[in-house]
Amino acid sequence: MSSPKTKVISPRSEISSNPSNHPASLPEQVEAHSSDEDAPKNFRDLGLLESLCEACDSLGYRTPTPIQALSIPVALQGRDLIGLAETGSGKTAAFVLPILQALLESPQALHSLILAPTRELALQISQVVEAFAERVGEAQKVAAVGMKDLRDKRGNLGSTLRGKKRGKRKRDDMDRDEL
């Protein structure tokens, strides 16, 4: 029986300038087996900030999983990617760690919006973000998962958005009843 595979698909830069079906526009695919010998031995090898490496260590993340080893460096380069791996393989940390690194390197009032298809997955992601954010002391998260939560957290979301400009429009022009 073969070992489970992890796959990361990252579009090449030619895709945006050449959206045809030309072979140069096809996604670059990287596959790895969990037994890869050249896999990074720790999170420092992936290019994460020291504070995030310490957070990984304190949360028991010792060695990057294949999905983390393949996707974190791609995400740190600011490239889009699609990661495919089994349940429990570390996918959440694989995308949360680069988001937190970007936030630490360039603090902003509103940085990221993570959408999840189910309430349960949204809560899981929120817990992972909170666990890492507590250890680096820089990030605040707001998890809004369902209509009741949106009504309860509306004030918190509004204060996060208040007075921030985006282009020519002020974000505080938003109707907070719709948040």
C-alpha atoms as a PDB file:
ATOM      1  CA  MET A   1       0.000   0.000   0.000  1.00  0.00           C
ATOM      2  CA  SER A   2       1.440   3.389  -0.938  1.00  0.00           C
ATOM      3  CA  SER A   3       1.766   6.173   1.589  1.00  0.00           C
ATOM      4  CA  PRO A   4      -0.712   9.081   1.449  1.00  0.00           C
ATOM      5  CA  LYS A   5       0.315  11.939  -0.797  1.00  0.00           C
ATOM      6  CA  THR A   6       0.245  15.628  -0.131  1.00  0.00           C
ATOM      7  CA  LYS A   7      -0.152  17.959  -3.075  1.00  0.00           C
ATOM      8  CA  VAL A   8       0.367  21.700  -3.397  1.00  0.00           C
ATOM      9  CA  ILE A   9      -0.705  23.435  -6.575  1.00  0.00           C
ATOM     10  CA  SER A  10       0.584  26.942  -7.182  1.00  0.00           C
ATOM     11  CA  PRO A  11      -0.249  28.798 -10.384  1.00  0.00           C
ATOM     12  CA  ARG A  12       2.766  29.989 -12.328  1.00  0.00           C
ATOM     13  CA  SER A  13       3.093  33.716 -12.866  1.00  0.00           C
ATOM     14  CA  GLU A  14       2.275  33.245 -16.570  1.00  0.00           C
ATOM     15  CA  ILE A  15      -1.331  32.405 -15.727  1.00  0.00           C
ATOM     16  CA  SER A  16      -2.280  36.004 -15.003  1.00  0.00           C
ATOM     17  CA  SER A  17      -0.724  37.290 -18.229  1.00  0.00           C
ATOM     18  CA  ASN A  18      -1.688  34.289 -20.373  1.00  0.00           C
ATOM     19  CA  PRO A  19      -5.024  32.806 -19.291  1.00  0.00           C
ATOM     20  CA  SER A  20      -5.274  30.465 -22.297  1.00  0.00           C
ATOM     21  CA  ASN A  21      -4.895  26.707 -22.096  1.00  0.00           C
ATOM     22  CA  HIS A  22      -1.301  26.972 -23.271  1.00  0.00           C
ATOM     23  CA  PRO A  23       0.966  24.533 -21.363  1.00  0.00           C
ATOM     24  CA  ALA A  24       2.868  27.456 -19.831  1.00  0.00           C
ATOM     25  CA  SER A  25      -0.317  28.509 -18.041  1.00  0.00           C
ATOM     26  CA  LEU A  26      -0.972  25.172 -16.374  1.00  0.00           C
ATOM     27  CA  PRO A  27      -0.517  25.052 -12.609  1.00  0.00           C
ATOM     28  CA  GLU A  28       2.770  23.906 -11.188  1.00  0.00           C
ATOM     29  CA  GLN A  29       2.093  20.798  -9.115  1.00  0.00           C
ATOM     30  CA  VAL A  30       4.308  19.510  -6.362  1.00  0.00           C
ATOM     31  CA  GLU A  31       3.701  16.157  -4.732  1.00  0.00           C
ATOM     32  CA  ALA A  32       5.394  14.708  -1.697  1.00  0.00           C
ATOM     33  CA  HIS A  33       5.213  11.526   0.290  1.00  0.00           C
ATOM     34  CA  SER A  34       5.293  11.713   4.063  1.00  0.00           C
ATOM     35  CA  SER A  35       8.622   9.852   3.951  1.00  0.00           C
ATOM     36  CA  ASP A  36      10.533  12.482   1.946  1.00  0.00           C
ATOM     37  CA  GLU A  37      14.095  12.517   3.262  1.00  0.00           C
ATOM     38  CA  ASP A  38      14.846  16.090   2.200  1.00  0.00           C
ATOM     39  CA  ALA A  39      11.833  17.518   4.046  1.00  0.00           C
ATOM     40  CA  PRO A  40      12.513  20.432   6.426  1.00  0.00           C
ATOM     41  CA  LYS A  41      13.358  19.276   9.931  1.00  0.00           C
ATOM     42  CA  ASN A  42      11.859  22.303  11.710  1.00  0.00           C
ATOM     43  CA  PHE A  43       9.776  25.421  11.113  1.00  0.00           C
ATOM     44  CA  ARG A  44      12.834  27.687  10.947  1.00  0.00           C
ATOM     45  CA  ASP A  45      13.823  25.894   7.739  1.00  0.00           C
ATOM     46  CA  LEU A  46      10.560  27.117   6.186  1.00  0.00           C
ATOM     47  CA  GLY A  47      11.410  30.806   6.665  1.00  0.00           C
ATOM     48  CA  LEU A  48       9.043  31.592   9.526  1.00  0.00           C
ATOM     49  CA  LEU A  49       9.813  34.377  11.991  1.00  0.00           C
ATOM     50  CA  GLU A  50      11.439  33.289  15.239  1.00  0.00           C
ATOM     51  CA  SER A  51       8.353  34.259  17.272  1.00  0.00           C
ATOM     52  CA  LEU A  52       6.199  31.955  15.130  1.00  0.00           C
ATOM     53  CA  CYS A  53       8.760  29.148  15.413  1.00  0.00           C
ATOM     54  CA  GLU A  54       8.637  29.529  19.192  1.00  0.00           C
ATOM     55  CA  ALA A  55       4.824  29.479  19.054  1.00  0.00           C
ATOM     56  CA  CYS A  56       4.966  26.267  16.999  1.00  0.00           C
ATOM     57  CA  ASP A  57       7.287  24.718  19.547  1.00  0.00           C
ATOM     58  CA  SER A  58       5.118  25.729  22.511  1.00  0.00           C
ATOM     59  CA  LEU A  59       2.044  24.238  20.802  1.00  0.00           C
ATOM     60  CA  GLY A  60       3.830  20.949  20.160  1.00  0.00           C
ATOM     61  CA  TYR A  61       4.499  21.462  16.455  1.00  0.00           C
ATOM     62  CA  ARG A  62       8.034  20.045  16.254  1.00  0.00           C
ATOM     63  CA  THR A  63       8.456  18.956  12.637  1.00  0.00           C
ATOM     64  CA  PRO A  64       6.494  20.365   9.689  1.00  0.00           C
ATOM     65  CA  THR A  65       4.048  17.946   8.118  1.00  0.00           C
ATOM     66  CA  PRO A  66       4.317  17.461   4.339  1.00  0.00           C
ATOM     67  CA  ILE A  67       1.502  19.943   3.629  1.00  0.00           C
ATOM     68  CA  GLN A  68       3.175  22.526   5.882  1.00  0.00           C
ATOM     69  CA  ALA A  69       6.617  21.929   4.370  1.00  0.00           C
ATOM     70  CA  LEU A  70       5.289  22.364   0.840  1.00  0.00           C
ATOM     71  CA  SER A  71       2.791  25.185   1.287  1.00  0.00           C
ATOM     72  CA  ILE A  72       4.335  27.547   3.860  1.00  0.00           C
ATOM     73  CA  PRO A  73       7.310  28.607   1.669  1.00  0.00           C
ATOM     74  CA  VAL A  74       4.968  29.170  -1.304  1.00  0.00           C
ATOM     75  CA  ALA A  75       2.568  31.246   0.808  1.00  0.00           C
ATOM     76  CA  LEU A  76       5.442  33.263   2.317  1.00  0.00           C
ATOM     77  CA  GLN A  77       6.366  34.271  -1.245  1.00  0.00           C
ATOM     78  CA  GLY A  78       2.870  35.723  -1.590  1.00  0.00           C
ATOM     79  CA  ARG A  79       1.842  33.155  -4.167  1.00  0.00           C
ATOM     80  CA  ASP A  80      -1.624  31.628  -4.400  1.00  0.00           C
ATOM     81  CA  LEU A  81      -1.847  27.931  -3.753  1.00  0.00           C
ATOM     82  CA  ILE A  82      -4.201  25.028  -3.318  1.00  0.00           C
ATOM     83  CA  GLY A  83      -3.178  22.437  -0.753  1.00  0.00           C
ATOM     84  CA  LEU A  84      -4.622  18.943  -0.748  1.00  0.00           C
ATOM     85  CA  ALA A  85      -3.974  16.656   2.204  1.00  0.00           C
ATOM     86  CA  GLU A  86      -5.769  14.298   4.535  1.00  0.00           C
ATOM     87  CA  THR A  87      -7.733  15.331   7.608  1.00  0.00           C
ATOM     88  CA  GLY A  88      -5.439  15.960  10.561  1.00  0.00           C
ATOM     89  CA  SER A  89      -2.414  16.674   8.377  1.00  0.00           C
ATOM     90  CA  GLY A  90      -1.869  20.259   9.553  1.00  0.00           C
ATOM     91  CA  LYS A  91      -3.556  22.192   6.755  1.00  0.00           C
ATOM     92  CA  THR A  92      -4.928  24.861   9.095  1.00  0.00           C
ATOM     93  CA  ALA A  93      -1.502  25.740  10.494  1.00  0.00           C
ATOM     94  CA  ALA A  94      -0.133  25.582   6.945  1.00  0.00           C
ATOM     95  CA  PHE A  95      -2.206  28.597   5.909  1.00  0.00           C
ATOM     96  CA  VAL A  96      -2.536  30.363   9.280  1.00  0.00           C
ATOM     97  CA  LEU A  97       1.221  30.661   9.919  1.00  0.00           C
ATOM     98  CA  PRO A  98       1.944  32.632   6.694  1.00  0.00           C
ATOM     99  CA  ILE A  99      -1.055  34.891   7.408  1.00  0.00           C
ATOM    100  CA  LEU A 100       0.263  35.620  10.904  1.00  0.00           C
ATOM    101  CA  GLN A 101       3.766  36.225   9.554  1.00  0.00           C
ATOM    102  CA  ALA A 102       2.404  38.765   7.055  1.00  0.00           C
ATOM    103  CA  LEU A 103       0.465  40.447   9.867  1.00  0.00           C
ATOM    104  CA  LEU A 104       3.541  40.590  12.108  1.00  0.00           C
ATOM    105  CA  GLU A 105       5.658  42.029   9.293  1.00  0.00           C
ATOM    106  CA  SER A 106       3.027  44.591   8.274  1.00  0.00           C
ATOM    107  CA  PRO A 107       0.539  45.296  11.097  1.00  0.00           C
ATOM    108  CA  GLN A 108      -2.882  46.489   9.977  1.00  0.00           C
ATOM    109  CA  ALA A 109      -6.219  46.951  11.684  1.00  0.00           C
ATOM    110  CA  LEU A 110      -7.943  44.623   9.225  1.00  0.00           C
ATOM    111  CA  HIS A 111      -5.631  42.101   7.607  1.00  0.00           C
ATOM    112  CA  SER A 112      -7.294  38.837   6.652  1.00  0.00           C
ATOM    113  CA  LEU A 113     -10.685  37.316   6.148  1.00  0.00           C
ATOM    114  CA  ILE A 114     -10.883  33.539   6.341  1.00  0.00           C
ATOM    115  CA  LEU A 115     -14.061  31.948   5.042  1.00  0.00           C
ATOM    116  CA  ALA A 116     -15.034  28.394   5.920  1.00  0.00           C
ATOM    117  CA  PRO A 117     -17.879  26.270   4.561  1.00  0.00           C
ATOM    118  CA  THR A 118     -19.120  25.086   7.962  1.00  0.00           C
ATOM    119  CA  ARG A 119     -19.506  26.495  11.450  1.00  0.00           C
ATOM    120  CA  GLU A 120     -17.394  23.659  12.873  1.00  0.00           C
ATOM    121  CA  LEU A 121     -14.493  24.354  10.524  1.00  0.00           C
ATOM    122  CA  ALA A 122     -14.727  28.096  11.211  1.00  0.00           C
ATOM    123  CA  LEU A 123     -14.481  27.399  14.949  1.00  0.00           C
ATOM    124  CA  GLN A 124     -11.514  25.061  14.436  1.00  0.00           C
ATOM    125  CA  ILE A 125      -9.690  27.670  12.364  1.00  0.00           C
ATOM    126  CA  SER A 126     -10.515  30.341  14.941  1.00  0.00           C
ATOM    127  CA  GLN A 127      -9.035  28.198  17.722  1.00  0.00           C
ATOM    128  CA  VAL A 128      -5.807  27.638  15.780  1.00  0.00           C
ATOM    129  CA  VAL A 129      -5.492  31.361  15.002  1.00  0.00           C
ATOM    130  CA  GLU A 130      -6.129  32.207  18.652  1.00  0.00           C
ATOM    131  CA  ALA A 131      -3.575  29.672  19.919  1.00  0.00           C
ATOM    132  CA  PHE A 132      -0.816  31.057  17.689  1.00  0.00           C
ATOM    133  CA  ALA A 133      -1.846  34.704  18.137  1.00  0.00           C
ATOM    134  CA  GLU A 134      -1.739  34.426  21.942  1.00  0.00           C
ATOM    135  CA  ARG A 135       1.852  33.237  21.749  1.00  0.00           C
ATOM    136  CA  VAL A 136       3.079  36.016  19.468  1.00  0.00           C
ATOM    137  CA  GLY A 137       0.988  38.677  21.212  1.00  0.00           C
ATOM    138  CA  GLU A 138       0.257  40.719  18.122  1.00  0.00           C
ATOM    139  CA  ALA A 139      -2.953  39.509  16.543  1.00  0.00           C
ATOM    140  CA  GLN A 140      -6.590  39.896  17.474  1.00  0.00           C
ATOM    141  CA  LYS A 141      -9.154  37.694  15.827  1.00  0.00           C
ATOM    142  CA  VAL A 142     -12.886  37.929  15.544  1.00  0.00           C
ATOM    143  CA  ALA A 143     -14.741  34.755  14.650  1.00  0.00           C
ATOM    144  CA  ALA A 144     -18.200  35.328  13.256  1.00  0.00           C
ATOM    145  CA  VAL A 145     -19.811  31.986  12.546  1.00  0.00           C
ATOM    146  CA  GLY A 146     -23.524  32.265  11.891  1.00  0.00           C
ATOM    147  CA  MET A 147     -26.190  34.914  12.167  1.00  0.00           C
ATOM    148  CA  LYS A 148     -26.315  34.974  15.976  1.00  0.00           C
ATOM    149  CA  ASP A 149     -22.558  35.480  16.174  1.00  0.00           C
ATOM    150  CA  LEU A 150     -22.727  38.244  13.571  1.00  0.00           C
ATOM    151  CA  ARG A 151     -25.305  40.124  15.654  1.00  0.00           C
ATOM    152  CA  ASP A 152     -23.340  39.572  18.889  1.00  0.00           C
ATOM    153  CA  LYS A 153     -19.994  40.652  17.407  1.00  0.00           C
ATOM    154  CA  ARG A 154     -21.230  43.506  15.263  1.00  0.00           C
ATOM    155  CA  GLY A 155     -19.813  46.130  17.626  1.00  0.00           C
ATOM    156  CA  ASN A 156     -16.403  44.463  17.687  1.00  0.00           C
ATOM    157  CA  LEU A 157     -16.289  44.234  13.901  1.00  0.00           C
ATOM    158  CA  GLY A 158     -17.368  47.852  13.584  1.00  0.00           C
ATOM    159  CA  SER A 159     -14.643  49.093  15.929  1.00  0.00           C
ATOM    160  CA  THR A 160     -12.082  47.097  13.949  1.00  0.00           C
ATOM    161  CA  LEU A 161     -13.209  48.760  10.715  1.00  0.00           C
ATOM    162  CA  ARG A 162     -13.835  52.289  12.029  1.00  0.00           C
ATOM    163  CA  GLY A 163     -11.962  55.059  10.289  1.00  0.00           C
ATOM    164  CA  LYS A 164      -9.854  52.884   8.022  1.00  0.00           C
ATOM    165  CA  LYS A 165      -9.558  54.128   4.465  1.00  0.00           C
ATOM    166  CA  ARG A 166      -9.515  51.969   1.390  1.00  0.00           C
ATOM    167  CA  GLY A 167      -9.034  53.919  -1.779  1.00  0.00           C
ATOM    168  CA  LYS A 168     -11.337  56.925  -1.843  1.00  0.00           C
ATOM    169  CA  ARG A 169     -13.987  55.347   0.367  1.00  0.00           C
ATOM    170  CA  LYS A 170     -13.861  55.274   4.141  1.00  0.00           C
ATOM    171  CA  ARG A 171     -14.720  51.927   5.645  1.00  0.00           C
ATOM    172  CA  ASP A 172     -16.706  53.615   8.384  1.00  0.00           C
ATOM    173  CA  ASP A 173     -19.299  54.444   5.701  1.00  0.00           C
ATOM    174  CA  MET A 174     -20.377  50.813   5.944  1.00  0.00           C
ATOM    175  CA  ASP A 175     -23.762  49.987   7.397  1.00  0.00           C
ATOM    176  CA  ARG A 176     -22.844  48.049  10.554  1.00  0.00           C
ATOM    177  CA  ASP A 177     -26.314  46.479  10.671  1.00  0.00           C
ATOM    178  CA  GLU A 178     -25.247  44.497   7.606  1.00  0.00           C
ATOM    179  CA  LEU A 179     -22.105  43.225   9.321  1.00  0.00           C
END
